[in-house]
Amino acid sequence: MSAPELTPWPDDQDGPRRRSPWKRWVLVIGVVLVIVGLVVSLTGVWQLLQPTVQRPTEVELELPAKPVGGAYGEQTPKWADCGEGFECADVRAPLDWDDPEGETIRLRMVKHPATGGEPLGTLFVNPGGPGASGADFVRNALDSAAGAPLQRSFDVVGWDPRGVGASSPVTCLDAQDMDEYLFGVSDSTAERGSAKWIEEAEASSRRFGEACLENTGEFLGHVDTVSTVRDLDMLREIQGDEQLNYLGYSYGTHIGARYAEMFPEKVGRLVLDGVLDPTASEADVVREQTRGFELALRSYAEACLATKDCPLSGTVDEAMAQIGDLLDDVEEHPIVASDGRTLTASTMLTAIITPLYSESNWGYLNSLFETVAEGNADVAFSLADSYYGRLDGEYLDNSTEAFQAINCLDYPNSIDPERMREQAAELERIAPTIGRFQGFGDVSCAGWPVKGVQERMAVQAAGADPILVIGTTGDPATPYRWAEALAEQLESGVLVRFEGEGHTAYGQSGCVNDLVERYFIEGEVPASGATCS
C-alpha cells in the first residue's frame, strides 16, 4: 500500500534549488531501535520518506577478481550502464579487515559522471542510517544528494555500506516474520519497565538477533562503522583520488568524522550535515532525539493551529495534550487497519515521527490525526510503511535489519534495569507527549549474538584539512549542540549554523547551498560560525 497523497503543507521558504516537498528523500538518522513490549518503537529512523516507496535499482554486475596480497585499492571496477546516465559497479572488500587474505564481500557503487566535462575528482555521498542505501540515494534522488553545481564538477558516487542493500547484506527475517516483529501485538500483561517486561523484551531482541546470525553468518560481526570507514578509504583509492571528497548526511556524518580521525592526511573536502556527536552514548541519543521530536511536534502544533483546517484546537499546550490523548487511546484500544494489521501506540509514534524530519512534510500529520481519531489506521500504516521501506506486504530493502545490526556493534550491548528506569522517567519528564514511549532502549541490543566493538570516543583528526560541520537549530534528530560539539572536537572543524526546522540543511537554504558548493568547487572555506536562515 503506497503512502497517501496529501495536500502539501504551506511552504514559503525561498532558495535557488528547492526540492519538491513530496518527491524528495528526507534524510534521517535513527541510531536507537527501541523494543517496546515485543513490538518496536522508534526514537529515530534512517528511512527515506516518500509519498510512494520506490523499489531499489536492480542490476546484475560482475565482480573483479579477488585482489592478490590484499591490494583491494588496486581493483578495477567493471562499470556497467544502469540507465539514465548512471553507471554501476561492484567491488570486493575483505569480510574482516584484520584478515585481508580471508573471505571477501561485495560492495555496490553507483556513479553519475560529471556533467561539466573534466571532473575535479569524485564526490562520495552517504544519506545516513545506519542502513540507508547510498547507491539508491544517488540513483533515485541525485538532486537531493548533490546539487547541479556539484554534479557538473564531480563524479558523484554513492555506495551501499557493508551489510546494506545491494552490497553483501545482513539478512534476518522473511516479510511475514518481519511484520510480526515490527507490528505484532503482544499478549503479555507485564507492566512496562517491570522485570518481567524487560525479560520478555530482551527475549524478543535475542530471537531477532539469532535469526540474523543464522541467516547472515560470521559477517554479522563485521558490519560496524569502523569497517565501513576502511571500505570508504578503499573506494577512494579505487577511484584514483589522493584525498577524499565527501558529503555525509545524518549518520553519514559519523562515517565522515571517523574517516577523518583514522585517515586525517587523506581528508580532502568533507561536509558533515545533520551531525551525530561521536561521543554520544545510546542514552544520550535517545534523550536528545526524544527532546528534539517533542519540540518539533510542538512547532508543528503551533503552525497547524494558525491554519483553518487544523485537526487540533486551543493553545499549543492543549494541542499537545490532544496528541498525547490520541496516543493513549490507541494504546488502550488498538485499531485494526484495512489490511488486518493492528495499530498500537508504538506504530502510531513511528507514524508521527516520520513527517517531523522535514517541515515540508508536516501536512501528513493533519491527515494522520484526523483519520486515527475517526478509528481509521490506514494513513498511520502508510507512514510507518514508508519508514520501514515496506510496499504491498514486501520489504524493499534490508534497512531495518542493517539498522539494528550496525547499531548493536557500534554501541555496548548491556543493560542495567535501574538505570533504564531512571532514564525512562527522565524521558517522560522532558517530553511529556512522546517520552513515555521511548524508554528502555538498551534491551534492543542486550541479547544480540555479537558484542559491540566500537567505543564512543571524541574525534580530533589532527592535521586534516578544514571540515565543514553543518547544524540546524530546529533539527529533531541531530540537535544543533551536536554540531557544536563535533566542530569543537575537530582540530580543523568549521561550524555552519542553519536557523531553520528539519533534519539537514543542504538543499534547504540558498545560503547553505552556496557555502557548501563554493567550498567543494573552489576550496573557499567559510568563517567558522557562519549563519544561514
Protein backbone atom coordinates (compact mmCIF):
# COMPACT_ATOMS: atom_id res chain seq x y z
CA MET A 1 0.00 0.00 0.00
CA SER A 2 1.53 3.28 -1.06
CA ALA A 3 1.55 6.23 1.26
CA PRO A 4 -1.27 8.75 0.96
CA GLU A 5 -1.32 11.69 -1.44
CA LEU A 6 -1.79 14.69 0.84
CA THR A 7 -2.09 18.39 0.28
CA PRO A 8 1.42 19.79 0.80
CA TRP A 9 1.99 21.87 3.89
CA PRO A 10 2.29 25.59 3.02
CA ASP A 11 5.94 26.46 2.45
CA ASP A 12 7.09 29.98 1.65
CA GLN A 13 10.81 29.39 2.06
CA ASP A 14 12.99 30.67 -0.73
CA GLY A 15 16.05 29.05 -2.27
CA PRO A 16 17.60 28.62 -5.67
CA ARG A 17 17.13 24.85 -5.69
CA ARG A 18 14.17 23.91 -3.51
CA ARG A 19 13.46 20.21 -3.65
CA SER A 20 9.88 19.14 -4.29
CA PRO A 21 8.18 18.78 -0.88
CA TRP A 22 6.69 15.40 -1.75
CA LYS A 23 9.18 13.86 -4.18
CA ARG A 24 12.31 14.41 -2.12
CA TRP A 25 14.15 11.98 0.11
CA VAL A 26 14.07 13.04 3.72
CA LEU A 27 17.41 12.23 5.31
CA VAL A 28 17.04 10.91 8.80
CA ILE A 29 19.19 9.34 11.41
CA GLY A 30 17.91 6.51 13.53
CA VAL A 31 20.51 5.50 15.99
CA VAL A 32 18.44 3.57 18.52
CA LEU A 33 15.84 0.91 17.79
CA VAL A 34 13.77 0.56 20.95
CA ILE A 35 11.93 -2.68 21.67
CA VAL A 36 8.71 -1.84 23.48
CA GLY A 37 6.88 -4.85 24.85
CA LEU A 38 7.77 -7.15 21.93
CA VAL A 39 6.95 -4.51 19.32
CA VAL A 40 9.14 -1.71 18.05
CA SER A 41 9.13 1.97 18.99
CA LEU A 42 11.48 4.35 17.22
CA THR A 43 13.30 7.34 18.62
CA GLY A 44 14.89 7.96 15.24
CA VAL A 45 14.92 6.26 11.91
CA TRP A 46 17.03 6.18 8.81
CA GLN A 47 14.19 5.60 6.37
CA LEU A 48 13.59 7.90 3.42
CA LEU A 49 10.05 9.28 3.42
CA GLN A 50 8.39 9.48 0.02
CA PRO A 51 4.70 9.52 -0.99
CA THR A 52 5.31 6.27 -2.83
CA VAL A 53 8.07 3.93 -1.74
CA GLN A 54 10.45 3.27 -4.65
CA ARG A 55 11.78 -0.15 -5.49
CA PRO A 56 15.58 -0.36 -5.38
CA THR A 57 17.55 -0.36 -8.61
CA GLU A 58 18.23 -3.97 -9.62
CA VAL A 59 21.16 -4.81 -11.86
CA GLU A 60 23.45 -7.84 -12.15
CA LEU A 61 27.14 -6.88 -12.08
CA GLU A 62 30.42 -8.76 -12.38
CA LEU A 63 32.90 -8.67 -9.51
CA PRO A 64 36.61 -8.09 -10.18
CA ALA A 65 38.93 -10.94 -9.28
CA LYS A 66 39.98 -11.23 -5.65
CA PRO A 67 42.96 -8.90 -5.12
CA VAL A 68 46.33 -10.51 -4.69
CA GLY A 69 48.14 -9.79 -1.43
CA GLY A 70 45.26 -7.75 0.00
CA ALA A 71 45.71 -4.89 -2.52
CA TYR A 72 41.99 -4.06 -2.56
CA GLY A 73 42.54 -0.46 -3.62
CA GLU A 74 44.06 -1.65 -6.90
CA GLN A 75 40.85 -3.27 -8.17
CA THR A 76 39.42 -2.08 -11.47
CA PRO A 77 35.63 -1.81 -11.26
CA LYS A 78 33.68 -3.19 -14.23
CA TRP A 79 31.33 -0.24 -14.65
CA ALA A 80 28.04 -1.00 -16.41
CA ASP A 81 25.32 1.28 -17.73
CA CYS A 82 22.40 1.23 -15.30
CA GLY A 83 20.23 3.73 -17.14
CA GLU A 84 19.62 7.48 -17.35
CA GLY A 85 23.30 8.35 -17.37
CA PHE A 86 24.25 6.35 -14.29
CA GLU A 87 26.94 3.69 -14.05
CA CYS A 88 27.02 0.80 -11.57
CA ALA A 89 29.80 -1.46 -10.35
CA ASP A 90 30.56 -3.99 -7.65
CA VAL A 91 33.94 -4.37 -5.96
CA ARG A 92 35.35 -6.62 -3.28
CA ALA A 93 36.30 -5.84 0.29
CA PRO A 94 37.60 -8.23 2.94
CA LEU A 95 34.93 -9.62 5.22
CA ASP A 96 37.34 -8.88 8.08
CA TRP A 97 39.85 -6.08 7.55
CA ASP A 98 42.14 -7.77 10.08
CA ASP A 99 42.26 -10.82 7.78
CA PRO A 100 42.59 -9.36 4.25
CA GLU A 101 43.54 -12.75 2.78
CA GLY A 102 40.30 -14.30 4.04
CA GLU A 103 36.77 -14.23 2.67
CA THR A 104 35.53 -11.23 0.69
CA ILE A 105 32.25 -9.34 0.49
CA ARG A 106 30.58 -7.33 -2.27
CA LEU A 107 30.17 -3.52 -2.21
CA ARG A 108 27.80 -1.79 -4.67
CA MET A 109 28.62 1.64 -6.14
CA VAL A 110 26.54 3.93 -8.35
CA LYS A 111 28.24 6.79 -10.21
CA HIS A 112 26.88 9.83 -12.00
CA PRO A 113 29.76 11.14 -14.17
CA ALA A 114 30.45 14.87 -14.02
CA THR A 115 28.21 16.73 -16.46
CA GLY A 116 30.66 19.60 -17.00
CA GLY A 117 33.49 17.71 -18.65
CA GLU A 118 36.73 17.01 -16.81
CA PRO A 119 35.78 16.35 -13.16
CA LEU A 120 37.62 17.78 -10.18
CA GLY A 121 37.50 14.27 -8.73
CA THR A 122 34.99 12.01 -7.02
CA LEU A 123 32.40 13.24 -4.53
CA PHE A 124 31.26 10.40 -2.30
CA VAL A 125 27.86 10.84 -0.64
CA ASN A 126 26.11 8.92 2.12
CA PRO A 127 22.47 9.51 3.18
CA GLY A 128 22.70 8.23 6.75
CA GLY A 129 21.02 5.47 8.67
CA PRO A 130 22.62 3.28 9.57
CA GLY A 131 21.06 1.10 6.92
CA ALA A 132 20.41 3.61 4.14
CA SER A 133 21.35 2.72 0.56
CA GLY A 134 23.81 5.25 -0.79
CA ALA A 135 23.61 3.61 -4.22
CA ASP A 136 19.84 4.12 -4.44
CA PHE A 137 20.21 7.61 -2.96
CA VAL A 138 22.35 8.68 -5.91
CA ARG A 139 20.47 6.60 -8.49
CA ASN A 140 16.95 7.67 -7.46
CA ALA A 141 17.44 11.08 -5.81
CA LEU A 142 20.57 12.64 -7.30
CA ASP A 143 19.32 16.22 -6.94
CA SER A 144 18.78 15.62 -3.22
CA ALA A 145 22.21 14.06 -2.86
CA ALA A 146 24.16 16.81 -4.65
CA GLY A 147 23.04 19.97 -6.42
CA ALA A 148 23.63 20.79 -10.07
CA PRO A 149 26.91 22.72 -9.45
CA LEU A 150 28.37 19.65 -7.72
CA GLN A 151 27.06 17.37 -10.45
CA ARG A 152 28.86 19.48 -13.05
CA SER A 153 32.16 19.46 -11.18
CA PHE A 154 32.40 15.95 -9.70
CA ASP A 155 31.72 12.32 -10.43
CA VAL A 156 29.08 11.77 -7.75
CA VAL A 157 29.31 8.29 -6.20
CA GLY A 158 27.04 6.62 -3.69
CA TRP A 159 27.67 3.19 -2.25
CA ASP A 160 25.82 0.70 -0.11
CA PRO A 161 27.84 0.24 3.08
CA ARG A 162 28.64 -3.33 4.12
CA GLY A 163 25.52 -5.09 5.33
CA VAL A 164 23.22 -2.79 3.36
CA GLY A 165 21.14 -3.17 0.21
CA ALA A 166 22.92 -4.47 -2.90
CA SER A 167 26.21 -4.88 -1.05
CA SER A 168 26.61 -8.11 0.91
CA PRO A 169 23.54 -7.75 3.14
CA VAL A 170 22.51 -8.53 6.67
CA THR A 171 19.58 -10.93 6.38
CA CYS A 172 17.27 -11.83 9.25
CA LEU A 173 13.55 -12.46 8.64
CA ASP A 174 11.12 -13.00 5.79
CA ALA A 175 8.34 -10.45 5.25
CA GLN A 176 5.76 -12.28 7.35
CA ASP A 177 8.09 -12.62 10.33
CA MET A 178 9.25 -9.02 9.94
CA ASP A 179 5.62 -7.87 10.10
CA GLU A 180 5.20 -9.84 13.31
CA TYR A 181 8.42 -8.39 14.74
CA LEU A 182 7.53 -4.78 13.89
CA PHE A 183 3.75 -4.75 14.18
CA GLY A 184 2.77 -7.81 16.19
CA VAL A 185 0.69 -7.27 19.33
CA SER A 186 1.98 -8.90 22.48
CA ASP A 187 -0.43 -10.76 24.75
CA SER A 188 1.80 -10.05 27.73
CA THR A 189 0.24 -8.40 30.77
CA ALA A 190 3.59 -7.31 32.21
CA GLU A 191 3.78 -3.65 33.20
CA ARG A 192 6.14 -1.54 31.12
CA GLY A 193 9.54 -1.41 32.81
CA SER A 194 8.91 -4.32 35.17
CA ALA A 195 11.42 -7.13 35.47
CA LYS A 196 9.12 -9.48 33.52
CA TRP A 197 8.54 -6.86 30.80
CA ILE A 198 12.29 -6.31 30.38
CA GLU A 199 12.87 -10.06 30.27
CA GLU A 200 10.25 -10.51 27.53
CA ALA A 201 11.58 -7.56 25.52
CA GLU A 202 15.14 -8.84 25.75
CA ALA A 203 13.98 -12.30 24.66
CA SER A 204 12.34 -10.78 21.57
CA SER A 205 15.56 -8.96 20.70
CA ARG A 206 17.55 -12.15 21.24
CA ARG A 207 15.29 -14.13 18.89
CA PHE A 208 15.70 -11.46 16.22
CA GLY A 209 19.47 -11.47 16.64
CA GLU A 210 19.64 -15.24 16.47
CA ALA A 211 17.72 -15.14 13.18
CA CYS A 212 20.18 -12.57 11.85
CA LEU A 213 23.15 -14.71 12.87
CA GLU A 214 21.64 -17.85 11.35
CA ASN A 215 20.92 -16.15 8.01
CA THR A 216 23.94 -13.81 7.83
CA GLY A 217 26.65 -15.88 9.46
CA GLU A 218 30.04 -14.62 10.58
CA PHE A 219 29.59 -11.44 8.54
CA LEU A 220 27.10 -10.17 11.17
CA GLY A 221 30.08 -9.35 13.37
CA HIS A 222 31.78 -7.18 10.72
CA VAL A 223 29.23 -4.51 9.75
CA ASP A 224 30.49 -1.92 12.24
CA THR A 225 31.18 1.68 11.26
CA VAL A 226 34.97 1.38 11.55
CA SER A 227 34.92 -1.41 8.93
CA THR A 228 32.78 0.81 6.71
CA VAL A 229 35.31 3.63 7.09
CA ARG A 230 38.06 1.31 5.88
CA ASP A 231 35.84 0.33 2.95
CA LEU A 232 35.39 4.01 2.08
CA ASP A 233 39.14 4.59 2.02
CA MET A 234 39.47 1.60 -0.31
CA LEU A 235 36.80 3.08 -2.62
CA ARG A 236 38.66 6.40 -2.64
CA GLU A 237 41.80 4.61 -3.75
CA ILE A 238 39.92 2.61 -6.39
CA GLN A 239 38.57 5.89 -7.80
CA GLY A 240 42.11 7.23 -8.05
CA ASP A 241 41.61 10.18 -5.69
CA GLU A 242 44.55 11.12 -3.48
CA GLN A 243 42.18 12.65 -0.94
CA LEU A 244 38.54 12.02 -0.05
CA ASN A 245 35.82 14.49 -1.04
CA TYR A 246 32.73 13.54 0.94
CA LEU A 247 29.22 14.82 1.67
CA GLY A 248 27.68 12.91 4.57
CA TYR A 249 24.21 13.39 5.98
CA SER A 250 22.94 12.31 9.40
CA TYR A 251 24.62 9.02 10.42
CA GLY A 252 26.76 9.61 7.31
CA THR A 253 28.44 12.36 9.35
CA HIS A 254 29.61 9.70 11.77
CA ILE A 255 31.23 7.80 8.91
CA GLY A 256 32.91 11.02 7.77
CA ALA A 257 34.10 12.02 11.24
CA ARG A 258 35.56 8.57 11.88
CA TYR A 259 37.24 8.66 8.48
CA ALA A 260 38.88 11.98 9.36
CA GLU A 261 40.11 10.51 12.64
CA MET A 262 41.55 7.38 11.03
CA PHE A 263 42.93 8.99 7.86
CA PRO A 264 43.46 12.72 8.54
CA GLU A 265 46.12 13.07 5.84
CA LYS A 266 43.65 11.76 3.24
CA VAL A 267 40.92 14.27 4.07
CA GLY A 268 40.14 16.46 1.08
CA ARG A 269 36.90 18.44 1.31
CA LEU A 270 34.44 17.00 3.82
CA VAL A 271 30.96 18.34 4.61
CA LEU A 272 29.06 16.79 7.52
CA ASP A 273 25.38 17.85 7.60
CA GLY A 274 22.99 16.85 10.40
CA VAL A 275 25.70 15.83 12.79
CA LEU A 276 25.94 12.95 15.24
CA ASP A 277 28.26 13.64 18.17
CA PRO A 278 30.79 10.75 18.15
CA THR A 279 30.92 10.83 21.96
CA ALA A 280 27.14 10.43 22.40
CA SER A 281 26.13 7.25 24.17
CA GLU A 282 22.97 5.33 23.35
CA ALA A 283 21.23 7.01 26.28
CA ASP A 284 22.41 10.44 25.08
CA VAL A 285 20.98 9.80 21.62
CA VAL A 286 17.62 8.63 22.96
CA ARG A 287 17.36 11.61 25.31
CA GLU A 288 18.30 14.26 22.76
CA GLN A 289 16.22 12.81 19.93
CA THR A 290 13.20 12.44 22.22
CA ARG A 291 13.62 16.06 23.30
CA GLY A 292 14.08 17.11 19.66
CA PHE A 293 10.99 15.35 18.34
CA GLU A 294 8.86 16.69 21.18
CA LEU A 295 9.98 20.22 20.25
CA ALA A 296 9.39 19.55 16.55
CA LEU A 297 5.90 18.29 17.34
CA ARG A 298 5.23 21.49 19.29
CA SER A 299 6.43 23.53 16.31
CA TYR A 300 4.06 21.58 14.07
CA ALA A 301 1.19 22.15 16.51
CA GLU A 302 1.86 25.89 16.64
CA ALA A 303 1.95 26.13 12.83
CA CYS A 304 -1.11 23.90 12.48
CA LEU A 305 -3.20 25.99 14.88
CA ALA A 306 -2.58 29.04 12.69
CA THR A 307 -4.43 27.36 9.77
CA LYS A 308 -8.17 26.94 9.27
CA ASP A 309 -8.14 23.18 8.67
CA CYS A 310 -6.02 22.08 11.62
CA PRO A 311 -7.31 18.93 13.37
CA LEU A 312 -6.08 20.31 16.70
CA SER A 313 -7.54 23.18 18.73
CA GLY A 314 -6.86 25.55 21.59
CA THR A 315 -3.40 26.56 22.76
CA VAL A 316 -0.21 24.76 21.80
CA ASP A 317 -0.20 23.02 25.20
CA GLU A 318 -3.81 21.93 24.68
CA ALA A 319 -3.00 20.68 21.17
CA MET A 320 -0.07 18.65 22.51
CA ALA A 321 -2.35 17.20 25.16
CA GLN A 322 -4.79 16.17 22.41
CA ILE A 323 -1.97 14.33 20.60
CA GLY A 324 -0.99 12.65 23.86
CA ASP A 325 -4.60 11.61 24.46
CA LEU A 326 -4.76 10.14 20.96
CA LEU A 327 -1.62 8.08 21.67
CA ASP A 328 -3.15 6.90 24.95
CA ASP A 329 -6.41 5.97 23.20
CA VAL A 330 -4.50 3.86 20.67
CA GLU A 331 -2.52 2.27 23.50
CA GLU A 332 -5.76 1.34 25.27
CA HIS A 333 -7.77 0.48 22.17
CA PRO A 334 -5.58 -0.54 19.20
CA ILE A 335 -7.15 -0.01 15.76
CA VAL A 336 -7.32 -2.70 13.09
CA ALA A 337 -6.34 -1.40 9.64
CA SER A 338 -7.93 -2.47 6.34
CA ASP A 339 -5.05 -4.92 5.74
CA GLY A 340 -5.61 -6.63 9.08
CA ARG A 341 -2.62 -5.18 10.94
CA THR A 342 -3.25 -3.66 14.35
CA LEU A 343 -2.18 -0.09 15.09
CA THR A 344 -0.55 0.20 18.50
CA ALA A 345 0.86 3.29 20.18
CA SER A 346 4.32 2.13 19.10
CA THR A 347 3.43 2.18 15.39
CA MET A 348 1.40 5.37 15.87
CA LEU A 349 4.51 7.04 17.27
CA THR A 350 6.51 5.86 14.26
CA ALA A 351 3.89 7.46 12.01
CA ILE A 352 4.09 10.73 13.95
CA ILE A 353 7.88 10.93 13.95
CA THR A 354 8.30 10.17 10.25
CA PRO A 355 6.98 13.51 8.88
CA LEU A 356 8.74 15.51 11.61
CA TYR A 357 12.10 15.14 9.88
CA SER A 358 11.10 17.86 7.40
CA GLU A 359 8.84 20.86 7.83
CA SER A 360 7.62 20.35 4.25
CA ASN A 361 6.11 17.01 5.34
CA TRP A 362 4.18 18.30 8.35
CA GLY A 363 0.96 18.19 6.29
CA TYR A 364 0.95 14.41 6.65
CA LEU A 365 0.27 14.85 10.36
CA ASN A 366 -3.06 16.59 9.69
CA SER A 367 -4.37 13.54 7.84
CA LEU A 368 -2.82 11.17 10.38
CA PHE A 369 -4.52 12.76 13.38
CA GLU A 370 -7.86 13.17 11.59
CA THR A 371 -8.07 9.57 10.43
CA VAL A 372 -6.84 7.94 13.63
CA ALA A 373 -9.35 9.99 15.63
CA GLU A 374 -12.03 8.51 13.34
CA GLY A 375 -10.79 4.98 14.04
CA ASN A 376 -9.01 4.55 10.69
CA ALA A 377 -5.42 3.24 10.84
CA ASP A 378 -4.58 3.22 7.11
CA VAL A 379 -2.77 6.57 6.92
CA ALA A 380 -0.77 5.65 10.02
CA PHE A 381 0.36 2.40 8.44
CA SER A 382 1.17 4.16 5.16
CA LEU A 383 3.57 6.43 7.04
CA ALA A 384 5.03 3.56 9.06
CA ASP A 385 5.49 1.53 5.87
CA SER A 386 7.41 4.35 4.18
CA TYR A 387 9.54 4.45 7.31
CA TYR A 388 10.38 0.76 7.03
CA GLY A 389 10.60 0.56 3.23
CA ARG A 390 7.52 -1.68 3.05
CA LEU A 391 5.24 -1.85 -0.02
CA ASP A 392 2.32 -4.20 -0.64
CA GLY A 393 3.44 -6.52 2.12
CA GLU A 394 7.05 -6.71 0.91
CA TYR A 395 10.17 -5.10 2.37
CA LEU A 396 12.02 -3.48 -0.50
CA ASP A 397 15.34 -3.44 1.33
CA ASN A 398 17.02 -4.70 4.46
CA SER A 399 17.24 -1.29 6.13
CA THR A 400 15.64 -2.34 9.42
CA GLU A 401 17.87 -5.39 9.75
CA ALA A 402 21.03 -3.45 8.86
CA PHE A 403 19.99 -0.65 11.20
CA GLN A 404 19.89 -2.94 14.19
CA ALA A 405 22.98 -4.96 13.25
CA ILE A 406 25.19 -1.89 12.78
CA ASN A 407 23.95 -0.14 15.92
CA CYS A 408 24.44 -3.24 18.04
CA LEU A 409 28.10 -3.31 17.01
CA ASP A 410 28.60 0.44 17.40
CA TYR A 411 27.17 0.60 20.95
CA PRO A 412 27.82 -1.56 24.01
CA ASN A 413 25.22 -4.34 24.48
CA SER A 414 24.46 -4.44 28.19
CA ILE A 415 21.52 -3.50 30.36
CA ASP A 416 21.04 -2.09 33.82
CA PRO A 417 17.31 -2.16 34.71
CA GLU A 418 17.52 0.52 37.40
CA ARG A 419 19.46 2.86 35.13
CA MET A 420 16.92 2.28 32.35
CA ARG A 421 14.04 3.11 34.70
CA GLU A 422 15.74 6.35 35.73
CA GLN A 423 16.31 7.22 32.07
CA ALA A 424 12.69 6.39 31.22
CA ALA A 425 11.47 8.75 33.95
CA GLU A 426 13.71 11.49 32.58
CA LEU A 427 12.35 10.98 29.05
CA GLU A 428 8.79 11.35 30.28
CA ARG A 429 9.76 14.49 32.15
CA ILE A 430 11.48 16.24 29.23
CA ALA A 431 8.96 15.07 26.60
CA PRO A 432 5.51 14.78 28.18
CA THR A 433 3.79 13.79 24.92
CA ILE A 434 6.06 11.09 23.48
CA GLY A 435 8.69 10.44 26.16
CA ARG A 436 6.77 7.73 28.00
CA PHE A 437 7.00 5.51 24.91
CA GLN A 438 10.74 5.96 24.43
CA GLY A 439 12.41 4.32 27.40
CA PHE A 440 14.27 1.04 27.86
CA GLY A 441 16.13 1.19 24.56
CA ASP A 442 19.08 -0.80 25.89
CA VAL A 443 17.10 -4.03 25.58
CA SER A 444 17.26 -3.84 21.77
CA CYS A 445 20.92 -4.96 21.74
CA ALA A 446 21.19 -6.69 25.11
CA GLY A 447 20.54 -10.13 23.64
CA TRP A 448 22.44 -9.51 20.41
CA PRO A 449 24.62 -12.50 19.45
CA VAL A 450 27.67 -10.33 18.60
CA LYS A 451 29.27 -7.99 21.11
CA GLY A 452 29.68 -4.31 20.35
CA VAL A 453 33.12 -3.36 19.08
CA GLN A 454 33.24 0.45 18.95
CA GLU A 455 33.88 2.89 21.78
CA ARG A 456 32.16 6.27 21.79
CA MET A 457 35.23 8.49 21.55
CA ALA A 458 35.87 12.09 20.55
CA VAL A 459 37.49 12.76 17.18
CA GLN A 460 40.28 15.24 16.58
CA ALA A 461 41.54 14.47 13.06
CA ALA A 462 44.82 16.26 13.78
CA GLY A 463 46.38 17.64 10.61
CA ALA A 464 43.27 17.27 8.43
CA ASP A 465 42.23 19.99 6.00
CA PRO A 466 39.20 22.13 7.02
CA ILE A 467 35.99 20.13 7.57
CA LEU A 468 32.58 21.84 7.32
CA VAL A 469 30.17 20.88 10.11
CA ILE A 470 26.57 21.97 9.47
CA GLY A 471 23.94 22.08 12.20
CA THR A 472 20.26 23.09 12.02
CA THR A 473 18.81 24.85 15.05
CA GLY A 474 15.44 23.05 14.78
CA ASP A 475 16.78 19.61 13.86
CA PRO A 476 14.79 16.98 15.81
CA ALA A 477 17.09 14.03 15.06
CA THR A 478 20.55 15.55 15.43
CA PRO A 479 20.35 18.62 17.68
CA TYR A 480 22.42 21.67 16.90
CA ARG A 481 24.51 21.18 20.04
CA TRP A 482 25.93 18.01 18.46
CA ALA A 483 27.24 20.06 15.53
CA GLU A 484 28.82 22.46 18.02
CA ALA A 485 30.37 19.52 19.87
CA LEU A 486 31.85 17.92 16.74
CA ALA A 487 33.18 21.22 15.39
CA GLU A 488 34.88 21.78 18.74
CA GLN A 489 36.39 18.27 18.79
CA LEU A 490 37.81 18.50 15.27
CA GLU A 491 41.11 20.33 15.07
CA SER A 492 40.03 21.81 11.71
CA GLY A 493 36.25 21.88 12.22
CA VAL A 494 34.37 24.82 10.68
CA LEU A 495 30.85 25.28 12.10
CA VAL A 496 27.99 26.44 9.85
CA ARG A 497 24.71 27.28 11.60
CA PHE A 498 21.39 26.98 9.76
CA GLU A 499 18.47 28.65 11.55
CA GLY A 500 15.51 26.55 10.49
CA GLU A 501 13.42 23.43 11.05
CA GLY A 502 14.04 19.86 9.92
CA HIS A 503 16.87 17.42 9.59
CA THR A 504 19.88 18.51 7.47
CA ALA A 505 20.34 21.87 5.74
CA TYR A 506 21.97 21.44 2.32
CA GLY A 507 19.26 21.84 -0.32
CA GLN A 508 17.01 23.73 2.07
CA SER A 509 18.75 27.12 2.02
CA GLY A 510 20.33 29.06 -0.81
CA CYS A 511 22.87 30.39 1.67
CA VAL A 512 23.92 26.90 2.82
CA ASN A 513 23.97 25.65 -0.77
CA ASP A 514 26.29 28.47 -1.77
CA LEU A 515 28.70 27.90 1.13
CA VAL A 516 28.87 24.15 0.50
CA GLU A 517 29.29 24.40 -3.25
CA ARG A 518 31.95 27.12 -3.13
CA TYR A 519 33.84 25.01 -0.60
CA PHE A 520 33.75 21.86 -2.74
CA ILE A 521 34.37 23.52 -6.09
CA GLU A 522 36.64 26.45 -5.25
CA GLY A 523 38.06 25.39 -1.89
CA GLU A 524 36.65 28.51 -0.25
CA VAL A 525 36.31 27.90 3.49
CA PRO A 526 33.62 29.98 5.26
CA ALA A 527 34.30 31.65 8.57
CA SER A 528 33.56 29.32 11.47
CA GLY A 529 30.19 30.22 12.93
CA ALA A 530 28.76 31.42 9.60
CA THR A 531 24.97 31.59 9.89
CA CYS A 532 22.26 30.96 7.28
CA SER A 533 18.49 31.06 7.57
